Protein backbone atom coordinates (compact mmCIF):
# COMPACT_ATOMS: atom_id res chain seq x y z
CA MET A 1 251.92 -95.67 -28.61
CA LYS A 2 255.09 -95.09 -30.48
CA TYR A 3 254.84 -95.43 -34.46
CA ILE A 4 257.15 -96.95 -36.75
CA LYS A 5 257.99 -94.05 -38.75
CA ASP A 6 259.34 -92.32 -35.45
CA TYR A 7 261.96 -95.27 -34.51
CA ASN A 8 265.80 -94.62 -34.90
CA ASP A 9 268.64 -96.84 -34.77
CA GLY A 10 269.38 -97.64 -30.95
CA ASP A 11 265.78 -97.20 -29.71
CA ARG A 12 263.93 -99.76 -27.47
CA VAL A 13 260.64 -101.32 -28.55
CA PHE A 14 257.96 -102.07 -26.18
CA ASP A 15 254.50 -101.74 -27.90
CA ILE A 16 251.84 -103.54 -29.79
CA TYR A 17 251.99 -103.95 -33.54
CA PHE A 18 250.20 -105.93 -36.34
CA CYS A 19 251.97 -108.80 -37.55
CA LYS A 20 251.84 -108.52 -41.34
CA HIS A 21 254.12 -111.50 -42.13
CA LYS A 22 255.86 -114.24 -40.28
CA SER A 23 258.19 -117.03 -41.72
CA SER A 24 260.98 -119.22 -40.49
CA ALA A 25 264.29 -119.62 -41.90
CA VAL A 26 267.79 -121.07 -41.47
CA SER A 27 270.83 -119.01 -40.83
CA LYS A 28 274.23 -119.82 -42.62
CA ASN A 29 275.45 -121.48 -39.49
CA GLY A 30 272.38 -123.66 -39.21
CA LYS A 31 270.48 -121.78 -36.44
CA ASN A 32 266.63 -121.52 -36.82
CA TYR A 33 265.10 -117.83 -36.79
CA ASP A 34 261.73 -116.15 -37.52
CA ASN A 35 261.27 -113.13 -40.20
CA VAL A 36 258.67 -111.01 -39.11
CA ILE A 37 257.04 -107.80 -40.64
CA LEU A 38 255.43 -105.28 -38.12
CA GLN A 39 253.01 -102.82 -39.27
CA ASP A 40 251.15 -99.83 -38.00
CA LYS A 41 249.27 -97.10 -39.86
CA THR A 42 252.73 -95.26 -40.71
CA GLY A 43 254.43 -98.18 -42.40
CA THR A 44 256.37 -101.36 -41.99
CA ILE A 45 259.49 -102.52 -40.30
CA ASP A 46 261.40 -105.79 -40.79
CA ALA A 47 262.09 -107.79 -37.65
CA LYS A 48 263.85 -110.91 -36.57
CA ILE A 49 263.44 -113.56 -33.62
CA TRP A 50 266.86 -115.02 -33.53
CA ASP A 51 265.95 -117.28 -30.72
CA PRO A 52 262.33 -118.84 -31.41
CA ASN A 53 262.60 -121.26 -28.41
CA ASN A 54 263.18 -118.44 -25.93
CA ALA A 55 260.55 -118.70 -23.07
CA GLY A 56 259.88 -115.15 -23.70
CA ILE A 57 258.66 -115.73 -27.35
CA ALA A 58 255.16 -116.79 -27.35
CA ASP A 59 253.25 -118.52 -30.01
CA PHE A 60 251.57 -116.04 -32.60
CA ASP A 61 250.77 -116.30 -36.30
CA ALA A 62 250.88 -113.61 -39.34
CA PHE A 63 247.72 -111.01 -38.79
CA ASP A 64 247.91 -111.26 -35.07
CA TYR A 65 248.34 -108.32 -32.94
CA ILE A 66 251.48 -109.02 -30.74
CA GLU A 67 253.17 -107.05 -28.06
CA VAL A 68 256.98 -106.59 -28.88
CA TYR A 69 259.82 -105.89 -26.67
CA GLY A 70 263.22 -105.49 -28.52
CA ASP A 71 265.60 -103.29 -29.86
CA ILE A 72 266.01 -101.16 -33.07
CA THR A 73 269.10 -101.87 -35.25
CA SER A 74 270.46 -100.96 -38.69
CA PHE A 75 271.02 -103.63 -41.22
CA ASN A 76 272.21 -102.68 -44.71
CA GLY A 77 271.04 -99.09 -44.25
CA ALA A 78 267.55 -100.11 -43.22
CA LEU A 79 266.05 -100.31 -39.59
CA GLN A 80 265.20 -103.66 -38.13
CA VAL A 81 263.77 -105.00 -34.88
CA ASN A 82 265.48 -107.50 -32.67
CA ILE A 83 262.63 -109.00 -30.87
CA LYS A 84 263.49 -110.40 -27.45
CA ARG A 85 260.15 -110.94 -26.13
CA VAL A 86 256.56 -111.19 -27.78
CA ARG A 87 253.01 -112.22 -26.88
CA LYS A 88 249.62 -112.44 -28.64
CA CYS A 89 247.26 -109.48 -27.57
CA GLY A 90 243.53 -110.03 -26.90
CA GLU A 91 240.92 -107.90 -28.93
CA ASN A 92 240.49 -105.32 -26.29
CA GLU A 93 244.16 -104.30 -26.22
CA TYR A 94 244.47 -102.67 -29.58
CA ASP A 95 242.50 -100.17 -31.91
CA GLU A 96 242.64 -101.57 -35.45
CA LYS A 97 242.56 -97.86 -36.96
CA GLU A 98 246.25 -97.28 -35.48
CA TYR A 99 247.77 -100.13 -37.41
CA MET A 100 246.16 -100.16 -41.02
CA PRO A 101 247.73 -97.61 -43.50
CA VAL A 102 245.01 -94.92 -44.25
CA SER A 103 244.73 -91.84 -46.41
CA SER A 104 245.65 -88.77 -44.68
CA LYS A 105 242.68 -86.88 -46.39
CA ASN A 106 238.96 -87.44 -45.12
CA ILE A 107 237.62 -90.37 -47.02
CA ASP A 108 233.82 -89.16 -46.88
CA GLU A 109 235.08 -85.61 -48.08
CA MET A 110 236.75 -87.12 -51.01
CA PHE A 111 233.85 -89.39 -51.87
CA ASP A 112 231.45 -86.24 -51.98
CA GLU A 113 234.09 -84.44 -54.05
CA LEU A 114 234.02 -87.27 -56.67
CA LEU A 115 230.30 -87.50 -56.69
CA LYS A 116 230.17 -83.78 -57.42
CA LEU A 117 232.11 -84.50 -60.66
CA THR A 118 230.30 -87.40 -61.61
CA GLU A 119 227.00 -85.52 -61.05
CA SER A 120 228.14 -82.67 -63.46
CA VAL A 121 228.18 -85.43 -66.40
CA GLU A 122 225.27 -84.40 -68.63
CA ASN A 123 224.86 -87.47 -70.85
CA THR A 124 221.80 -89.32 -69.69
CA TYR A 125 223.25 -92.84 -70.21
CA LEU A 126 226.84 -92.03 -68.68
CA LYS A 127 225.15 -90.28 -65.65
CA LYS A 128 222.80 -93.53 -65.05
CA LEU A 129 226.01 -95.72 -65.22
CA LEU A 130 227.94 -93.60 -62.86
CA ASN A 131 224.86 -93.62 -60.52
CA SER A 132 224.59 -97.37 -60.72
CA PHE A 133 228.12 -97.67 -59.33
CA PHE A 134 228.61 -94.65 -56.72
CA VAL A 135 225.01 -93.99 -55.72
CA ASP A 136 222.82 -97.08 -56.05
CA ASP A 137 225.11 -100.06 -55.37
CA LYS A 138 225.96 -99.37 -51.63
CA GLU A 139 228.31 -102.45 -51.36
CA PHE A 140 230.40 -101.32 -54.13
CA ALA A 141 230.80 -97.79 -52.92
CA GLU A 142 231.59 -98.80 -49.45
CA ALA A 143 234.13 -101.21 -50.93
CA PHE A 144 235.53 -98.51 -53.27
CA LYS A 145 236.05 -96.05 -50.38
CA LYS A 146 237.98 -98.65 -48.19
CA SER A 147 240.17 -100.16 -51.20
CA SER A 148 243.65 -99.55 -51.76
CA ALA A 149 245.00 -98.54 -55.14
CA ALA A 150 247.83 -101.09 -55.16
CA LYS A 151 249.54 -103.65 -53.17
CA THR A 152 252.55 -101.49 -53.16
CA VAL A 153 254.15 -98.79 -55.32
CA HIS A 154 251.41 -96.03 -54.82
CA HIS A 155 248.24 -95.21 -52.76
CA SER A 156 248.73 -98.89 -50.99
CA PHE A 157 246.41 -97.66 -47.91
CA ILE A 158 242.77 -97.66 -47.00
CA GLY A 159 241.11 -94.77 -49.13
CA GLY A 160 243.86 -95.23 -51.75
CA LEU A 161 241.82 -96.28 -54.54
CA LEU A 162 239.37 -93.26 -53.95
CA GLU A 163 242.10 -90.88 -53.40
CA HIS A 164 243.80 -91.83 -56.74
CA THR A 165 240.57 -91.84 -58.81
CA LEU A 166 239.75 -88.39 -57.37
CA GLY A 167 243.16 -87.26 -58.36
CA VAL A 168 242.81 -88.56 -62.01
CA THR A 169 239.52 -87.35 -62.34
CA LYS A 170 240.36 -83.82 -61.31
CA LEU A 171 243.51 -83.77 -63.56
CA CYS A 172 241.01 -84.85 -66.45
CA GLU A 173 238.48 -82.06 -65.49
CA TYR A 174 241.44 -79.74 -66.03
CA TYR A 175 242.24 -81.32 -69.33
CA CYS A 176 238.70 -80.49 -70.30
CA THR A 177 239.00 -76.83 -69.88
CA ALA A 178 242.52 -76.70 -71.81
CA TYR A 179 241.60 -78.89 -74.77
CA PRO A 180 237.98 -78.28 -75.97
CA ALA A 181 238.46 -81.45 -78.41
CA LEU A 182 237.92 -83.65 -75.25
CA ASN A 183 234.40 -84.98 -74.75
CA ARG A 184 234.05 -84.09 -71.10
CA ASP A 185 231.19 -86.59 -70.12
CA LEU A 186 233.21 -89.44 -71.64
CA LEU A 187 236.39 -88.45 -70.00
CA ILE A 188 234.86 -87.82 -66.60
CA THR A 189 233.15 -91.05 -66.70
CA ALA A 190 236.11 -93.09 -67.67
CA ALA A 191 238.22 -91.42 -65.12
CA ALA A 192 235.86 -92.17 -62.15
CA CYS A 193 235.49 -95.93 -63.58
CA HIS A 194 239.15 -96.48 -64.83
CA ASP A 195 240.23 -98.50 -61.71
CA ILE A 196 236.91 -99.81 -60.19
CA GLY A 197 238.21 -103.27 -60.96
CA LYS A 198 240.74 -102.97 -58.09
CA THR A 199 237.87 -103.39 -55.68
CA ARG A 200 238.05 -107.10 -56.88
CA GLU A 201 241.58 -107.33 -58.00
CA ILE A 202 242.95 -106.79 -54.49
CA SER A 203 241.53 -107.90 -51.13
CA ALA A 204 240.60 -105.77 -48.33
CA PHE A 205 242.87 -104.96 -45.48
CA PRO A 206 244.55 -106.26 -43.59
CA MET A 207 245.40 -108.95 -46.29
CA ASN A 208 245.62 -106.13 -49.34
CA ASN A 209 246.79 -108.94 -51.53
CA TYR A 210 245.98 -110.07 -55.08
CA THR A 211 242.71 -112.06 -55.25
CA ASP A 212 242.39 -115.07 -57.77
CA GLU A 213 240.37 -113.03 -59.95
CA GLY A 214 243.09 -110.39 -59.84
CA GLN A 215 245.79 -112.82 -60.58
CA PHE A 216 243.96 -114.30 -63.79
CA LEU A 217 242.35 -111.17 -65.20
CA GLY A 218 243.75 -108.05 -63.62
CA HIS A 219 241.89 -104.79 -62.61
CA ILE A 220 241.68 -103.56 -66.13
CA VAL A 221 239.81 -106.42 -67.65
CA ILE A 222 237.65 -106.75 -64.50
CA GLY A 223 236.71 -103.17 -64.64
CA SER A 224 235.73 -103.25 -68.20
CA GLU A 225 233.57 -106.46 -67.39
CA MET A 226 232.13 -104.18 -64.52
CA VAL A 227 231.14 -101.49 -66.80
CA GLY A 228 229.74 -103.93 -69.24
CA GLU A 229 227.56 -105.52 -66.57
CA LYS A 230 226.09 -102.15 -65.45
CA ILE A 231 225.57 -101.09 -69.08
CA LYS A 232 223.39 -104.06 -69.73
CA GLU A 233 220.80 -102.89 -67.01
CA ILE A 234 220.63 -99.57 -68.82
CA GLU A 235 217.96 -99.55 -71.57
CA ASP A 236 219.15 -98.44 -74.98
CA PHE A 237 222.64 -97.67 -74.01
CA PRO A 238 224.27 -96.53 -77.14
CA PRO A 239 226.61 -99.48 -78.31
CA ILE A 240 229.31 -97.07 -79.62
CA LEU A 241 229.49 -95.11 -76.42
CA ALA A 242 229.80 -98.28 -74.52
CA MET A 243 232.61 -99.44 -76.61
CA GLU A 244 234.47 -96.07 -76.37
CA LEU A 245 233.96 -96.08 -72.57
CA LYS A 246 235.38 -99.43 -72.22
CA HIS A 247 238.21 -98.76 -74.57
CA CYS A 248 239.20 -95.79 -72.29
CA ILE A 249 239.51 -98.36 -69.52
CA LEU A 250 241.24 -100.85 -71.62
CA SER A 251 243.82 -98.79 -72.86
CA HIS A 252 244.40 -96.63 -69.68
CA HIS A 253 248.05 -97.86 -69.03
CA GLY A 254 249.00 -96.78 -72.45
CA GLU A 255 251.42 -99.51 -73.47
CA TYR A 256 250.99 -103.23 -74.00
CA GLU A 257 254.10 -103.76 -71.51
CA PHE A 258 252.36 -101.73 -68.88
CA GLY A 259 249.22 -104.27 -69.06
CA SER A 260 246.90 -102.44 -71.38
CA PRO A 261 245.05 -104.82 -73.71
CA LYS A 262 244.59 -101.87 -76.18
CA LYS A 263 246.72 -98.78 -76.95
CA PRO A 264 244.75 -95.34 -76.77
CA ALA A 265 242.81 -94.75 -79.86
CA LEU A 266 240.78 -91.87 -78.75
CA ILE A 267 241.74 -88.48 -77.45
CA GLU A 268 239.79 -89.21 -74.24
CA ALA A 269 241.85 -92.41 -73.93
CA VAL A 270 245.12 -90.44 -74.38
CA ALA A 271 244.00 -87.90 -71.71
CA LEU A 272 243.14 -90.69 -69.23
CA ASN A 273 246.49 -92.49 -69.76
CA PHE A 274 248.42 -89.21 -68.88
CA ALA A 275 246.40 -88.25 -65.92
CA ASP A 276 246.43 -91.85 -64.55
CA ASN A 277 250.55 -91.93 -65.05
CA THR A 278 250.89 -88.39 -63.58
CA ASP A 279 248.90 -89.12 -60.37
CA ALA A 280 250.43 -92.40 -59.70
CA LYS A 281 254.00 -91.33 -60.59
CA LEU A 282 253.87 -87.94 -58.44
CA GLU A 283 251.98 -90.05 -55.47
CA THR A 284 255.04 -92.60 -55.78
CA PHE A 285 257.83 -90.00 -55.63
CA THR A 286 255.73 -88.16 -52.68
CA GLU A 287 255.47 -91.35 -50.61
CA LEU A 288 259.39 -91.80 -51.21
CA LEU A 289 260.12 -88.19 -50.06
CA ASN A 290 257.83 -88.83 -47.00
CA SER A 291 259.54 -92.30 -46.13
CA THR A 292 262.99 -90.49 -45.52
CA GLN A 293 264.32 -87.42 -43.81
CA GLU A 294 267.50 -87.46 -46.06
CA ASN A 295 268.30 -84.46 -48.04
CA GLY A 296 270.03 -84.39 -51.44
CA TRP A 297 270.35 -87.49 -53.40
CA LEU A 298 268.22 -90.36 -52.41
CA GLY A 299 269.61 -93.08 -54.57
CA PHE A 300 268.65 -95.05 -57.76
CA ASN A 301 265.00 -95.89 -58.24
CA LYS A 302 263.87 -98.59 -60.82
CA LEU A 303 260.25 -97.16 -61.30
CA PHE A 304 261.67 -94.02 -62.44
CA GLU A 305 265.07 -95.54 -63.88
CA SER A 306 266.97 -92.41 -62.30
CA ASN A 307 268.81 -91.39 -59.29
CA LEU A 308 266.21 -89.21 -57.23
CA LYS A 309 267.05 -86.26 -55.42
CA ARG A 310 264.93 -83.94 -52.76
CA SER A 311 264.77 -80.33 -54.22
CA ASP A 312 266.72 -77.80 -52.36
CA ILE A 313 264.23 -75.40 -50.23
């Protein structure tokens, strides 16, 4: 199998890919054509079927696995597949693991590393809360390990939520060694739980799209509610501690315009906001660098509001 990331302008395509999107359109001259997005574990590529009525174009829909024959062209600086023939594949013709984006890191090893950090929390109530999610709730733990951290932008792959959460928690672990004013138990707990709402905000692959709950509430509110539900099951959980933890979750985006219902009022909330932003931004930049072989200036990026450049080596 040839992966999408390995194609260049002028290459011939003849392989099986996942159809992430399909829609019909009409060109300026009134001719019908189909827009298609092909996907494998290395990324996606736009494709066009300029003659949908061609005998070589079999019926297929979005979320089907399809065998594609066509050519790679370049349009407005981006690669595109001109599909000449296509057919829908049977279940025994493909391995799903080759088509869904997945973390380059070992998911079980990352989860074990996260558990070691949560196990180091000494506060009895916070430890019970963490165990109620990551140890006792097997359904949640499996969903957490498989979830992405976003639909796009950063960590938008299987294991992405776990990878991001571990990165944020490790940063917070460092902060605790550098800034003694931080309550380590509170911050580590908040870091581990800050994005748990994404297990319900975004559907599992291959959909990886916003759920109704995600659209209406968002992961920050969902996560706070999930923590509140577990806290109710822990006898005599201190009310102030519960509010401090939920505050860290509710304020972890830092600003109202970034979706936080509250701005940080605790030093632990400030630390969590910086750790979350650091891990997200550096992963976004890393993914950008990995998506191109270009050296020098890479163009303007809306997220960073700057022209970005690969550093000279």
